[in-house]
């Protein structure tokens, strides 16, 4: 495994651009890991409606960055007390949505440090029932990454103020508030530690049995490519926020795969527009699925016909097609 040197950058737009650049341009057959710490920022999941995930007035007042990532999952808060990691490897269907494959080495290192971490749920690391890490993945045709957060000593009060977490998510986890369901790794350490030292311990733990450990320094040409991606994508309002669609039907439900939130505009009996939001993990971009439903008559037989050859697992993971169709068209619950 090769450690990517991000030169200590803390700009979230640049770090996400670096991660995507290395995913798309790194050599096949080689495994990389990237660590980075971001300035205060909210990192939005690929399929989320940004304006409904953030406390806009608060983040504007505090100057908190808002950046959309290319992986699915939910919105997370980053600051200087949060360590982020990203494993970049060849694509393997057995690794997709198999977060334990990537996080277990980190869990082992945390356990050695006295932190009672373990994988729970679909993508979280917990310590004594409280979340200390969330994880997400993205895959291209040949490569993929699995990345996550490590809440080392983050300002948890800011998490609650900056994010607008859906009540269904809070209630499903059996906690009363955002603040009550997350905690810092520092709470479990036997003695104080700086985040830089914590990062080094994680790196040392990952590479202690790797004789071929090396550090990758990007060339000037590669850094130019990263900055170009940042400028053309991650710096853009359209990417980070997007345009909220016009809709006259909204259907939302929390499934084991995550929240699916449908905004549908039906005109003259046909689906004139549809937008799929949520914190689910998808292999393929959901705009492909949205396109398949455009101009379809908003009737159950026509919807079933439009989706008859569609493999929904590529968009939502292990979700039954009948469950999605029921959400899309079924009767509203009273």
Protein backbone atom coordinates (compact mmCIF):
# COMPACT_ATOMS: atom_id res chain seq x y z
CA UNK A 1 0.00 0.00 0.00
CA UNK A 2 1.21 3.49 -0.92
CA UNK A 3 0.60 6.58 1.20
CA UNK A 4 -0.36 9.68 -0.81
CA UNK A 5 1.21 12.88 0.47
CA UNK A 6 -1.37 15.69 0.33
CA UNK A 7 1.25 18.22 1.54
CA UNK A 8 -0.81 19.05 4.63
CA UNK A 9 -3.61 20.73 2.66
CA UNK A 10 -6.75 21.43 4.69
CA UNK A 11 -8.90 22.92 1.92
CA UNK A 12 -11.86 20.51 1.50
CA UNK A 13 -12.41 21.40 -2.17
CA UNK A 14 -8.79 20.53 -2.91
CA UNK A 15 -8.72 17.35 -0.83
CA UNK A 16 -11.84 15.94 -2.50
CA UNK A 17 -10.43 16.87 -5.90
CA UNK A 18 -7.17 15.09 -4.99
CA UNK A 19 -9.06 11.98 -3.94
CA UNK A 20 -11.06 11.84 -7.19
CA UNK A 21 -7.99 12.61 -9.31
CA UNK A 22 -6.04 9.74 -7.76
CA UNK A 23 -9.01 7.41 -8.19
CA UNK A 24 -9.18 8.15 -11.90
CA UNK A 25 -5.46 8.44 -12.66
CA UNK A 26 -3.60 6.14 -10.27
CA UNK A 27 -2.07 2.98 -11.62
CA UNK A 28 -4.17 -0.18 -11.64
CA UNK A 29 -2.90 -2.98 -9.48
CA UNK A 30 -1.62 -0.60 -6.80
CA UNK A 31 -3.36 0.19 -3.53
CA UNK A 32 -3.17 3.72 -2.16
CA UNK A 33 -4.27 5.36 1.06
CA UNK A 34 -4.88 9.06 1.55
CA UNK A 35 -5.25 10.89 4.86
CA UNK A 36 -6.42 14.48 5.14
CA UNK A 37 -7.81 16.98 7.64
CA UNK A 38 -10.27 19.63 6.47
CA UNK A 39 -11.09 23.12 7.62
CA UNK A 40 -14.64 23.40 9.08
CA UNK A 41 -16.89 22.10 6.34
CA UNK A 42 -19.97 20.06 5.56
CA UNK A 43 -19.38 17.25 3.10
CA UNK A 44 -22.60 16.38 1.28
CA UNK A 45 -23.38 12.91 -0.06
CA UNK A 46 -23.59 12.45 -3.80
CA UNK A 47 -27.40 12.05 -3.89
CA UNK A 48 -28.44 14.55 -1.24
CA UNK A 49 -30.38 17.81 -1.51
CA UNK A 50 -27.81 20.19 -0.04
CA UNK A 51 -30.18 22.94 1.11
CA UNK A 52 -32.20 20.42 3.13
CA UNK A 53 -29.13 19.01 4.86
CA UNK A 54 -27.54 22.21 6.16
CA UNK A 55 -28.36 25.09 8.47
CA UNK A 56 -27.74 27.74 5.82
CA UNK A 57 -27.76 30.85 8.02
CA UNK A 58 -25.38 29.26 10.53
CA UNK A 59 -22.82 28.04 8.00
CA UNK A 60 -22.83 31.42 6.25
CA UNK A 61 -22.31 33.19 9.57
CA UNK A 62 -19.42 30.88 10.51
CA UNK A 63 -17.88 30.64 7.03
CA UNK A 64 -18.20 26.85 6.94
CA UNK A 65 -17.41 25.27 3.56
CA UNK A 66 -20.04 23.15 1.80
CA UNK A 67 -18.71 20.53 -0.63
CA UNK A 68 -20.39 17.62 -2.39
CA UNK A 69 -18.42 14.38 -2.65
CA UNK A 70 -18.84 11.75 -5.37
CA UNK A 71 -19.73 8.93 -2.95
CA UNK A 72 -23.17 8.23 -1.51
CA UNK A 73 -24.26 8.29 2.11
CA UNK A 74 -25.17 11.18 4.36
CA UNK A 75 -23.81 14.62 5.13
CA UNK A 76 -20.94 14.85 7.63
CA UNK A 77 -19.20 17.68 9.45
CA UNK A 78 -15.41 18.05 9.20
CA UNK A 79 -13.05 20.26 11.18
CA UNK A 80 -9.44 20.24 12.38
CA UNK A 81 -10.31 17.56 14.93
CA UNK A 82 -11.52 15.10 12.31
CA UNK A 83 -9.16 12.74 10.46
CA UNK A 84 -10.31 11.46 7.08
CA UNK A 85 -8.98 8.39 5.28
CA UNK A 86 -9.49 6.97 1.79
CA UNK A 87 -8.44 3.54 0.51
CA UNK A 88 -8.04 3.61 -3.29
CA UNK A 89 -7.92 0.17 -4.91
CA UNK A 90 -8.93 -1.80 -7.99
CA UNK A 91 -12.67 -2.32 -8.34
CA UNK A 92 -13.88 -5.63 -6.96
CA UNK A 93 -17.58 -6.45 -6.66
CA UNK A 94 -16.79 -8.34 -3.43
CA UNK A 95 -15.45 -5.12 -1.91
CA UNK A 96 -18.38 -2.94 -2.97
CA UNK A 97 -20.51 -2.07 0.09
CA UNK A 98 -18.21 -4.33 2.13
CA UNK A 99 -16.99 -1.59 4.44
CA UNK A 100 -15.55 -4.03 6.95
CA UNK A 101 -12.99 -5.12 4.35
CA UNK A 102 -11.46 -1.63 4.57
CA UNK A 103 -12.24 -0.52 8.12
CA UNK A 104 -11.20 -3.64 10.05
CA UNK A 105 -7.48 -2.76 10.02
CA UNK A 106 -8.34 0.66 11.46
CA UNK A 107 -10.65 -0.96 14.03
CA UNK A 108 -7.76 -3.22 15.09
CA UNK A 109 -5.43 -0.24 15.51
CA UNK A 110 -8.04 1.68 17.53
CA UNK A 111 -8.56 -1.37 19.74
CA UNK A 112 -4.80 -1.55 20.38
CA UNK A 113 -4.96 2.12 21.44
CA UNK A 114 -7.69 1.32 23.97
CA UNK A 115 -10.64 2.51 21.89
CA UNK A 116 -13.49 -0.09 21.97
CA UNK A 117 -14.33 0.46 18.29
CA UNK A 118 -16.35 -1.98 16.21
CA UNK A 119 -18.26 -2.01 12.93
CA UNK A 120 -22.02 -1.71 13.32
CA UNK A 121 -24.88 -1.06 10.94
CA UNK A 122 -24.21 -0.62 7.26
CA UNK A 123 -21.27 1.81 7.41
CA UNK A 124 -20.51 3.12 10.92
CA UNK A 125 -17.79 2.52 13.50
CA UNK A 126 -19.11 2.78 17.04
CA UNK A 127 -17.52 2.90 20.47
CA UNK A 128 -19.82 2.03 23.38
CA UNK A 129 -22.84 2.62 21.20
CA UNK A 130 -21.79 6.02 19.87
CA UNK A 131 -20.59 6.82 16.37
CA UNK A 132 -16.92 7.67 15.88
CA UNK A 133 -16.71 7.05 12.12
CA UNK A 134 -18.95 7.05 9.05
CA UNK A 135 -17.92 5.47 5.76
CA UNK A 136 -18.88 5.63 2.08
CA UNK A 137 -17.68 4.25 -1.25
CA UNK A 138 -17.44 5.13 -4.92
CA UNK A 139 -16.51 2.97 -7.89
CA UNK A 140 -15.55 3.71 -11.46
CA UNK A 141 -15.20 1.05 -14.12
CA UNK A 142 -11.78 -0.14 -12.95
CA UNK A 143 -11.06 1.56 -9.64
CA UNK A 144 -12.86 2.33 -6.38
CA UNK A 145 -12.34 4.02 -3.06
CA UNK A 146 -13.71 3.44 0.40
CA UNK A 147 -13.36 6.49 2.61
CA UNK A 148 -14.42 7.54 6.05
CA UNK A 149 -14.11 9.92 8.96
CA UNK A 150 -12.48 9.44 12.33
CA UNK A 151 -13.98 11.77 14.93
CA UNK A 152 -10.85 12.37 16.95
CA UNK A 153 -11.51 15.66 18.74
CA UNK A 154 -14.09 17.42 16.61
CA UNK A 155 -16.37 20.18 17.91
CA UNK A 156 -19.53 18.14 18.41
CA UNK A 157 -21.61 21.21 19.22
CA UNK A 158 -20.90 22.47 15.70
CA UNK A 159 -22.14 19.19 14.23
CA UNK A 160 -25.58 19.77 15.70
CA UNK A 161 -25.68 23.44 14.70
CA UNK A 162 -24.40 23.06 11.14
CA UNK A 163 -26.37 20.00 10.09
CA UNK A 164 -30.10 19.49 9.82
CA UNK A 165 -30.36 15.74 10.40
CA UNK A 166 -33.68 14.09 9.57
CA UNK A 167 -35.63 13.00 12.64
CA UNK A 168 -36.22 9.56 11.08
CA UNK A 169 -32.47 8.96 11.14
CA UNK A 170 -32.14 10.04 14.77
CA UNK A 171 -35.13 8.00 15.92
CA UNK A 172 -34.03 4.89 14.03
CA UNK A 173 -30.76 4.91 15.97
CA UNK A 174 -32.53 5.27 19.30
CA UNK A 175 -30.97 8.59 20.29
CA UNK A 176 -32.53 11.91 21.16
CA UNK A 177 -30.24 14.24 19.21
CA UNK A 178 -27.29 14.47 16.84
CA UNK A 179 -25.00 15.35 19.74
CA UNK A 180 -26.06 12.33 21.78
CA UNK A 181 -25.30 9.75 19.08
CA UNK A 182 -21.71 10.77 18.23
CA UNK A 183 -18.58 11.02 20.33
CA UNK A 184 -14.85 11.65 20.00
CA UNK A 185 -12.09 9.07 20.03
CA UNK A 186 -10.23 11.20 22.58
CA UNK A 187 -12.88 10.18 25.13
CA UNK A 188 -11.44 6.66 25.13
CA UNK A 189 -7.69 7.32 24.95
CA UNK A 190 -5.71 6.61 28.14
CA UNK A 191 -3.74 9.85 27.73
CA UNK A 192 -4.00 13.06 25.66
CA UNK A 193 -2.72 13.02 22.09
CA UNK A 194 -2.51 15.50 19.21
CA UNK A 195 -4.34 14.63 16.02
CA UNK A 196 -1.03 14.63 14.11
CA UNK A 197 0.28 11.94 16.49
CA UNK A 198 -2.98 10.01 16.18
CA UNK A 199 -2.69 10.09 12.39
CA UNK A 200 0.89 8.79 12.61
CA UNK A 201 -0.18 5.92 14.88
CA UNK A 202 -2.85 4.91 12.35
CA UNK A 203 -0.29 5.04 9.53
CA UNK A 204 2.28 3.08 11.55
CA UNK A 205 -0.34 0.47 12.39
CA UNK A 206 -1.36 0.03 8.77
CA UNK A 207 2.20 -0.33 7.52
CA UNK A 208 3.93 -2.13 10.36
CA UNK A 209 3.84 -5.43 8.46
CA UNK A 210 4.29 -3.95 4.99
CA UNK A 211 7.85 -4.15 3.71
CA UNK A 212 6.90 -2.34 0.49
CA UNK A 213 5.59 0.77 2.26
CA UNK A 214 6.22 3.94 0.28
CA UNK A 215 5.04 7.53 -0.01
CA UNK A 216 3.65 8.90 -3.25
CA UNK A 217 4.53 12.48 -4.16
CA UNK A 218 2.40 13.96 -6.93
CA UNK A 219 4.30 15.60 -9.78
CA UNK A 220 3.74 19.25 -10.67
CA UNK A 221 1.72 18.08 -13.66
CA UNK A 222 -0.49 15.90 -11.44
CA UNK A 223 -1.05 18.74 -8.97
CA UNK A 224 -2.05 20.93 -11.92
CA UNK A 225 -4.65 18.29 -12.81
CA UNK A 226 -5.95 18.26 -9.23
CA UNK A 227 -6.29 22.05 -9.19
CA UNK A 228 -8.04 22.00 -12.55
CA UNK A 229 -10.57 19.44 -11.25
CA UNK A 230 -11.10 21.57 -8.14
CA UNK A 231 -11.73 24.68 -10.24
CA UNK A 232 -14.02 23.03 -12.77
CA UNK A 233 -16.02 20.87 -10.35
CA UNK A 234 -15.58 21.23 -6.61
CA UNK A 235 -15.46 25.03 -6.61
CA UNK A 236 -18.72 25.22 -8.55
CA UNK A 237 -22.02 26.15 -6.87
CA UNK A 238 -23.90 23.93 -9.31
CA UNK A 239 -21.97 20.84 -8.14
CA UNK A 240 -22.15 21.58 -4.44
CA UNK A 241 -25.74 22.77 -4.26
CA UNK A 242 -27.53 21.99 -7.51
CA UNK A 243 -30.95 23.23 -8.50
CA UNK A 244 -33.91 22.13 -6.39
CA UNK A 245 -36.49 20.63 -8.75
CA UNK A 246 -40.10 21.62 -9.25
CA UNK A 247 -42.35 18.84 -7.93
CA UNK A 248 -45.96 18.17 -7.00
CA UNK A 249 -45.48 14.72 -5.47
CA UNK A 250 -43.00 13.84 -2.75
CA UNK A 251 -42.52 10.30 -1.48
CA UNK A 252 -39.93 9.43 1.18
CA UNK A 253 -39.13 6.31 3.18
CA UNK A 254 -36.27 4.93 5.22
CA UNK A 255 -35.19 1.47 4.08
CA UNK A 256 -32.35 -0.72 5.42
CA UNK A 257 -30.27 0.64 2.51
CA UNK A 258 -30.94 4.22 3.60
CA UNK A 259 -33.39 7.05 3.04
CA UNK A 260 -34.91 7.38 -0.44
CA UNK A 261 -36.61 10.70 -1.14
CA UNK A 262 -38.46 11.08 -4.46
CA UNK A 263 -39.49 14.44 -5.92
CA UNK A 264 -41.84 13.89 -8.87
CA UNK A 265 -43.48 16.40 -11.17
CA UNK A 266 -46.45 14.87 -12.92
CA UNK A 267 -47.95 16.84 -15.79
CA UNK A 268 -50.80 15.64 -18.02
CA UNK A 269 -50.54 12.21 -16.43
CA UNK A 270 -46.83 11.73 -17.28
CA UNK A 271 -43.63 12.03 -15.22
CA UNK A 272 -42.31 15.34 -16.54
CA UNK A 273 -39.47 15.49 -14.01
CA UNK A 274 -38.11 13.30 -11.23
CA UNK A 275 -35.25 13.70 -8.77
CA UNK A 276 -34.02 10.98 -6.42
CA UNK A 277 -32.39 12.11 -3.19
CA UNK A 278 -31.13 10.08 -0.24
CA UNK A 279 -28.22 8.76 1.78
CA UNK A 280 -28.14 5.35 0.07
CA UNK A 281 -25.03 3.97 -1.63
CA UNK A 282 -25.21 3.49 -5.40
CA UNK A 283 -22.86 1.81 -7.85
CA UNK A 284 -24.27 3.69 -10.84
CA UNK A 285 -25.43 7.33 -10.92
CA UNK A 286 -29.14 7.64 -10.11
CA UNK A 287 -29.66 10.17 -12.89
CA UNK A 288 -29.59 7.14 -15.22
CA UNK A 289 -32.64 5.78 -13.38
CA UNK A 290 -34.31 9.19 -13.40
CA UNK A 291 -33.88 9.33 -17.18
CA UNK A 292 -35.57 5.91 -17.60
CA UNK A 293 -38.65 7.25 -15.79
CA UNK A 294 -38.95 10.52 -17.68
CA UNK A 295 -42.14 10.87 -19.76
CA UNK A 296 -43.49 7.57 -18.43
CA UNK A 297 -47.22 7.64 -17.69
CA UNK A 298 -47.74 7.87 -13.94
CA UNK A 299 -49.65 4.62 -13.69
CA UNK A 300 -48.61 1.39 -12.01
CA UNK A 301 -48.51 -0.74 -15.21
CA UNK A 302 -46.44 1.85 -17.09
CA UNK A 303 -43.99 2.30 -14.22
CA UNK A 304 -43.57 -1.47 -13.89
CA UNK A 305 -42.95 -1.72 -17.63
CA UNK A 306 -40.37 1.09 -17.56
CA UNK A 307 -38.47 -0.66 -14.76
CA UNK A 308 -38.90 -4.23 -16.00
CA UNK A 309 -35.34 -4.56 -17.31
CA UNK A 310 -33.71 -2.30 -14.72
CA UNK A 311 -31.42 -3.76 -12.06
CA UNK A 312 -32.17 -1.52 -9.08
CA UNK A 313 -29.30 -3.04 -7.09
CA UNK A 314 -26.96 -0.87 -9.16
CA UNK A 315 -28.66 2.23 -7.76
CA UNK A 316 -29.79 1.30 -4.24
CA UNK A 317 -28.03 -1.90 -3.26
CA UNK A 318 -30.19 -4.63 -1.72
CA UNK A 319 -33.61 -3.05 -2.29
CA UNK A 320 -36.51 -5.06 -3.70
CA UNK A 321 -37.94 -3.62 -6.92
CA UNK A 322 -41.49 -3.95 -5.57
CA UNK A 323 -40.52 -1.80 -2.56
CA UNK A 324 -39.20 0.95 -4.82
CA UNK A 325 -42.26 0.82 -7.07
CA UNK A 326 -44.53 1.02 -4.03
CA UNK A 327 -42.65 4.10 -2.86
CA UNK A 328 -42.80 5.63 -6.33
CA UNK A 329 -46.50 5.03 -6.90
CA UNK A 330 -48.12 3.23 -3.94
CA UNK A 331 -50.79 4.62 -1.68
CA UNK A 332 -49.71 7.23 0.85
CA UNK A 333 -49.74 6.09 4.45
CA UNK A 334 -52.26 7.88 6.62
